[in-house]
Amino acid sequence: MQLFLGEAPIPLLSAADYGKVKAAILQGEDTCLETRRRRFRQFRYQEAEGPREAYSRLQELCHRWLEPQSRTTEQILELLILEQFLTILPEEMQSWVWERGPETGAQAVALTEGFQVGQPEAGLWEQQVRIF
């Protein structure tokens, strides 16, 4: 079955394709969160026209990243602790874990433990962590 928009057919997605599209959208959300985090963390005083604007911009960037209007205190703390945990990891481990985009401390810890055991096994940890 196909739908038509004007004269061009629009193919319907199979269940497998739907899963891929959904994963890509969710990954996009993760990327967006990471982008907002980086904007907050990489902001420099020189980008503003004085201390009031710098402070105001930091407030704005922080709110965009942490979204306090839609997240609980616990969720915000989880983001901050996760970021700090990833920051203190040894450089090679840090890069490897960041690339896998853990969303929780438990996922980051599992990935880190998997990395310590060996990267092939860490892939299994990654799959197990993402299931939960």
C-alpha atoms as a PDB file:
ATOM      1  CA  MET A   1       0.000   0.000   0.000  1.00  0.00           C
ATOM      2  CA  GLN A   2       1.259   3.481  -0.815  1.00  0.00           C
ATOM      3  CA  LEU A   3       0.004   6.930  -0.044  1.00  0.00           C
ATOM      4  CA  PHE A   4       0.205   9.664  -2.616  1.00  0.00           C
ATOM      5  CA  LEU A   5       1.147  13.276  -2.110  1.00  0.00           C
ATOM      6  CA  GLY A   6       0.360  15.056  -5.329  1.00  0.00           C
ATOM      7  CA  GLU A   7       1.641  12.611  -7.923  1.00  0.00           C
ATOM      8  CA  ALA A   8       4.588  11.167  -5.971  1.00  0.00           C
ATOM      9  CA  PRO A   9       3.971   7.976  -3.972  1.00  0.00           C
ATOM     10  CA  ILE A  10       4.946   7.977  -0.278  1.00  0.00           C
ATOM     11  CA  PRO A  11       6.129   4.509   0.783  1.00  0.00           C
ATOM     12  CA  LEU A  12       4.918   3.227   4.132  1.00  0.00           C
ATOM     13  CA  LEU A  13       7.588   2.225   6.631  1.00  0.00           C
ATOM     14  CA  SER A  14       8.097  -1.376   7.622  1.00  0.00           C
ATOM     15  CA  ALA A  15       8.450  -2.176  11.322  1.00  0.00           C
ATOM     16  CA  ALA A  16      12.229  -2.480  10.900  1.00  0.00           C
ATOM     17  CA  ASP A  17      12.426   0.869   9.090  1.00  0.00           C
ATOM     18  CA  TYR A  18      10.239   2.471  11.739  1.00  0.00           C
ATOM     19  CA  GLY A  19      12.675   1.257  14.412  1.00  0.00           C
ATOM     20  CA  LYS A  20      15.604   2.766  12.500  1.00  0.00           C
ATOM     21  CA  VAL A  21      13.811   6.093  12.064  1.00  0.00           C
ATOM     22  CA  LYS A  22      12.832   6.168  15.737  1.00  0.00           C
ATOM     23  CA  ALA A  23      16.433   5.421  16.806  1.00  0.00           C
ATOM     24  CA  ALA A  24      17.726   8.190  14.522  1.00  0.00           C
ATOM     25  CA  ILE A  25      15.252  10.671  16.001  1.00  0.00           C
ATOM     26  CA  LEU A  26      16.191   9.690  19.550  1.00  0.00           C
ATOM     27  CA  GLN A  27      19.878   9.950  18.662  1.00  0.00           C
ATOM     28  CA  GLY A  28      19.144  13.419  17.329  1.00  0.00           C
ATOM     29  CA  GLU A  29      17.668  14.352  20.689  1.00  0.00           C
ATOM     30  CA  ASP A  30      20.813  13.081  22.406  1.00  0.00           C
ATOM     31  CA  THR A  31      22.927  15.102  20.017  1.00  0.00           C
ATOM     32  CA  CYS A  32      20.829  18.169  20.716  1.00  0.00           C
ATOM     33  CA  LEU A  33      21.304  17.705  24.476  1.00  0.00           C
ATOM     34  CA  GLU A  34      25.049  17.328  23.950  1.00  0.00           C
ATOM     35  CA  THR A  35      25.113  20.445  21.769  1.00  0.00           C
ATOM     36  CA  ARG A  36      23.342  22.456  24.470  1.00  0.00           C
ATOM     37  CA  ARG A  37      25.747  21.144  27.113  1.00  0.00           C
ATOM     38  CA  ARG A  38      28.744  22.130  25.000  1.00  0.00           C
ATOM     39  CA  ARG A  39      27.355  25.615  24.332  1.00  0.00           C
ATOM     40  CA  PHE A  40      27.016  26.159  28.075  1.00  0.00           C
ATOM     41  CA  ARG A  41      30.441  24.719  28.913  1.00  0.00           C
ATOM     42  CA  GLN A  42      32.301  26.472  26.070  1.00  0.00           C
ATOM     43  CA  PHE A  43      30.815  29.924  26.525  1.00  0.00           C
ATOM     44  CA  ARG A  44      33.501  32.551  27.139  1.00  0.00           C
ATOM     45  CA  TYR A  45      33.290  35.922  28.861  1.00  0.00           C
ATOM     46  CA  GLN A  46      34.669  37.593  25.722  1.00  0.00           C
ATOM     47  CA  GLU A  47      31.514  36.577  23.827  1.00  0.00           C
ATOM     48  CA  ALA A  48      29.443  38.997  25.905  1.00  0.00           C
ATOM     49  CA  GLU A  49      29.417  42.764  26.271  1.00  0.00           C
ATOM     50  CA  GLY A  50      30.190  42.859  29.971  1.00  0.00           C
ATOM     51  CA  PRO A  51      29.502  40.907  33.148  1.00  0.00           C
ATOM     52  CA  ARG A  52      25.711  41.315  33.198  1.00  0.00           C
ATOM     53  CA  GLU A  53      25.316  39.991  29.679  1.00  0.00           C
ATOM     54  CA  ALA A  54      27.793  37.176  30.345  1.00  0.00           C
ATOM     55  CA  TYR A  55      25.859  36.086  33.427  1.00  0.00           C
ATOM     56  CA  SER A  56      22.536  36.374  31.626  1.00  0.00           C
ATOM     57  CA  ARG A  57      23.812  34.320  28.685  1.00  0.00           C
ATOM     58  CA  LEU A  58      25.111  31.629  31.053  1.00  0.00           C
ATOM     59  CA  GLN A  59      21.708  31.458  32.726  1.00  0.00           C
ATOM     60  CA  GLU A  60      20.015  31.094  29.347  1.00  0.00           C
ATOM     61  CA  LEU A  61      22.452  28.433  28.120  1.00  0.00           C
ATOM     62  CA  CYS A  62      22.166  26.506  31.383  1.00  0.00           C
ATOM     63  CA  HIS A  63      18.364  26.520  31.226  1.00  0.00           C
ATOM     64  CA  ARG A  64      18.453  25.321  27.620  1.00  0.00           C
ATOM     65  CA  TRP A  65      20.785  22.465  28.571  1.00  0.00           C
ATOM     66  CA  LEU A  66      19.268  21.315  31.874  1.00  0.00           C
ATOM     67  CA  GLU A  67      15.624  22.264  31.135  1.00  0.00           C
ATOM     68  CA  PRO A  68      14.601  22.792  34.771  1.00  0.00           C
ATOM     69  CA  GLN A  69      11.014  23.500  33.698  1.00  0.00           C
ATOM     70  CA  SER A  70      10.611  19.912  32.442  1.00  0.00           C
ATOM     71  CA  ARG A  71      13.118  17.908  34.523  1.00  0.00           C
ATOM     72  CA  THR A  72      13.094  16.925  38.150  1.00  0.00           C
ATOM     73  CA  THR A  73      15.913  17.832  40.509  1.00  0.00           C
ATOM     74  CA  GLU A  74      17.044  14.196  40.412  1.00  0.00           C
ATOM     75  CA  GLN A  75      17.209  14.206  36.599  1.00  0.00           C
ATOM     76  CA  ILE A  76      19.238  17.416  36.607  1.00  0.00           C
ATOM     77  CA  LEU A  77      21.613  15.995  39.206  1.00  0.00           C
ATOM     78  CA  GLU A  78      21.971  12.850  37.096  1.00  0.00           C
ATOM     79  CA  LEU A  79      23.043  14.966  34.103  1.00  0.00           C
ATOM     80  CA  LEU A  80      25.565  16.922  36.153  1.00  0.00           C
ATOM     81  CA  ILE A  81      27.039  13.864  37.858  1.00  0.00           C
ATOM     82  CA  LEU A  82      27.167  11.971  34.548  1.00  0.00           C
ATOM     83  CA  GLU A  83      29.033  14.843  32.920  1.00  0.00           C
ATOM     84  CA  GLN A  84      31.513  15.100  35.782  1.00  0.00           C
ATOM     85  CA  PHE A  85      32.044  11.321  35.833  1.00  0.00           C
ATOM     86  CA  LEU A  86      32.821  11.308  32.120  1.00  0.00           C
ATOM     87  CA  THR A  87      35.135  14.303  32.566  1.00  0.00           C
ATOM     88  CA  ILE A  88      37.310  12.558  35.173  1.00  0.00           C
ATOM     89  CA  LEU A  89      37.828   9.363  33.163  1.00  0.00           C
ATOM     90  CA  PRO A  90      41.223   8.731  31.555  1.00  0.00           C
ATOM     91  CA  GLU A  91      41.303  10.333  28.098  1.00  0.00           C
ATOM     92  CA  GLU A  92      41.081   7.178  25.951  1.00  0.00           C
ATOM     93  CA  MET A  93      38.305   5.699  28.082  1.00  0.00           C
ATOM     94  CA  GLN A  94      36.492   9.043  28.164  1.00  0.00           C
ATOM     95  CA  SER A  95      36.423   9.321  24.373  1.00  0.00           C
ATOM     96  CA  TRP A  96      35.233   5.760  23.964  1.00  0.00           C
ATOM     97  CA  VAL A  97      32.413   6.128  26.509  1.00  0.00           C
ATOM     98  CA  TRP A  98      31.344   9.611  25.223  1.00  0.00           C
ATOM     99  CA  GLU A  99      31.000   8.173  21.690  1.00  0.00           C
ATOM    100  CA  ARG A 100      28.435   5.690  22.969  1.00  0.00           C
ATOM    101  CA  GLY A 101      26.296   8.466  24.458  1.00  0.00           C
ATOM    102  CA  PRO A 102      25.301   7.123  27.866  1.00  0.00           C
ATOM    103  CA  GLU A 103      22.184   8.799  29.177  1.00  0.00           C
ATOM    104  CA  THR A 104      22.512   7.709  32.815  1.00  0.00           C
ATOM    105  CA  GLY A 105      25.254   7.157  35.338  1.00  0.00           C
ATOM    106  CA  ALA A 106      24.484   3.434  35.359  1.00  0.00           C
ATOM    107  CA  GLN A 107      25.034   3.250  31.610  1.00  0.00           C
ATOM    108  CA  ALA A 108      28.291   5.201  31.869  1.00  0.00           C
ATOM    109  CA  VAL A 109      29.576   2.969  34.662  1.00  0.00           C
ATOM    110  CA  ALA A 110      28.672  -0.202  32.748  1.00  0.00           C
ATOM    111  CA  LEU A 111      30.388   1.091  29.614  1.00  0.00           C
ATOM    112  CA  THR A 112      33.456   2.085  31.619  1.00  0.00           C
ATOM    113  CA  GLU A 113      33.625  -1.333  33.256  1.00  0.00           C
ATOM    114  CA  GLY A 114      33.232  -2.931  29.850  1.00  0.00           C
ATOM    115  CA  PHE A 115      36.047  -0.812  28.480  1.00  0.00           C
ATOM    116  CA  GLN A 116      38.303  -1.966  31.313  1.00  0.00           C
ATOM    117  CA  VAL A 117      37.647  -5.610  30.494  1.00  0.00           C
ATOM    118  CA  GLY A 118      38.307  -5.061  26.789  1.00  0.00           C
ATOM    119  CA  GLN A 119      36.518  -3.238  24.010  1.00  0.00           C
ATOM    120  CA  PRO A 120      34.969  -6.318  22.311  1.00  0.00           C
ATOM    121  CA  GLU A 121      33.293  -7.268  25.582  1.00  0.00           C
ATOM    122  CA  ALA A 122      32.346  -3.645  26.170  1.00  0.00           C
ATOM    123  CA  GLY A 123      30.126  -3.806  23.109  1.00  0.00           C
ATOM    124  CA  LEU A 124      28.095  -6.470  24.890  1.00  0.00           C
ATOM    125  CA  TRP A 125      27.833  -4.231  27.947  1.00  0.00           C
ATOM    126  CA  GLU A 126      26.616  -1.427  25.716  1.00  0.00           C
ATOM    127  CA  GLN A 127      23.862  -3.614  24.280  1.00  0.00           C
ATOM    128  CA  GLN A 128      22.786  -4.796  27.733  1.00  0.00           C
ATOM    129  CA  VAL A 129      22.769  -1.274  29.138  1.00  0.00           C
ATOM    130  CA  ARG A 130      20.660   0.150  26.289  1.00  0.00           C
ATOM    131  CA  ILE A 131      17.988  -2.523  26.853  1.00  0.00           C
ATOM    132  CA  PHE A 132      17.174  -1.157  30.302  1.00  0.00           C
END
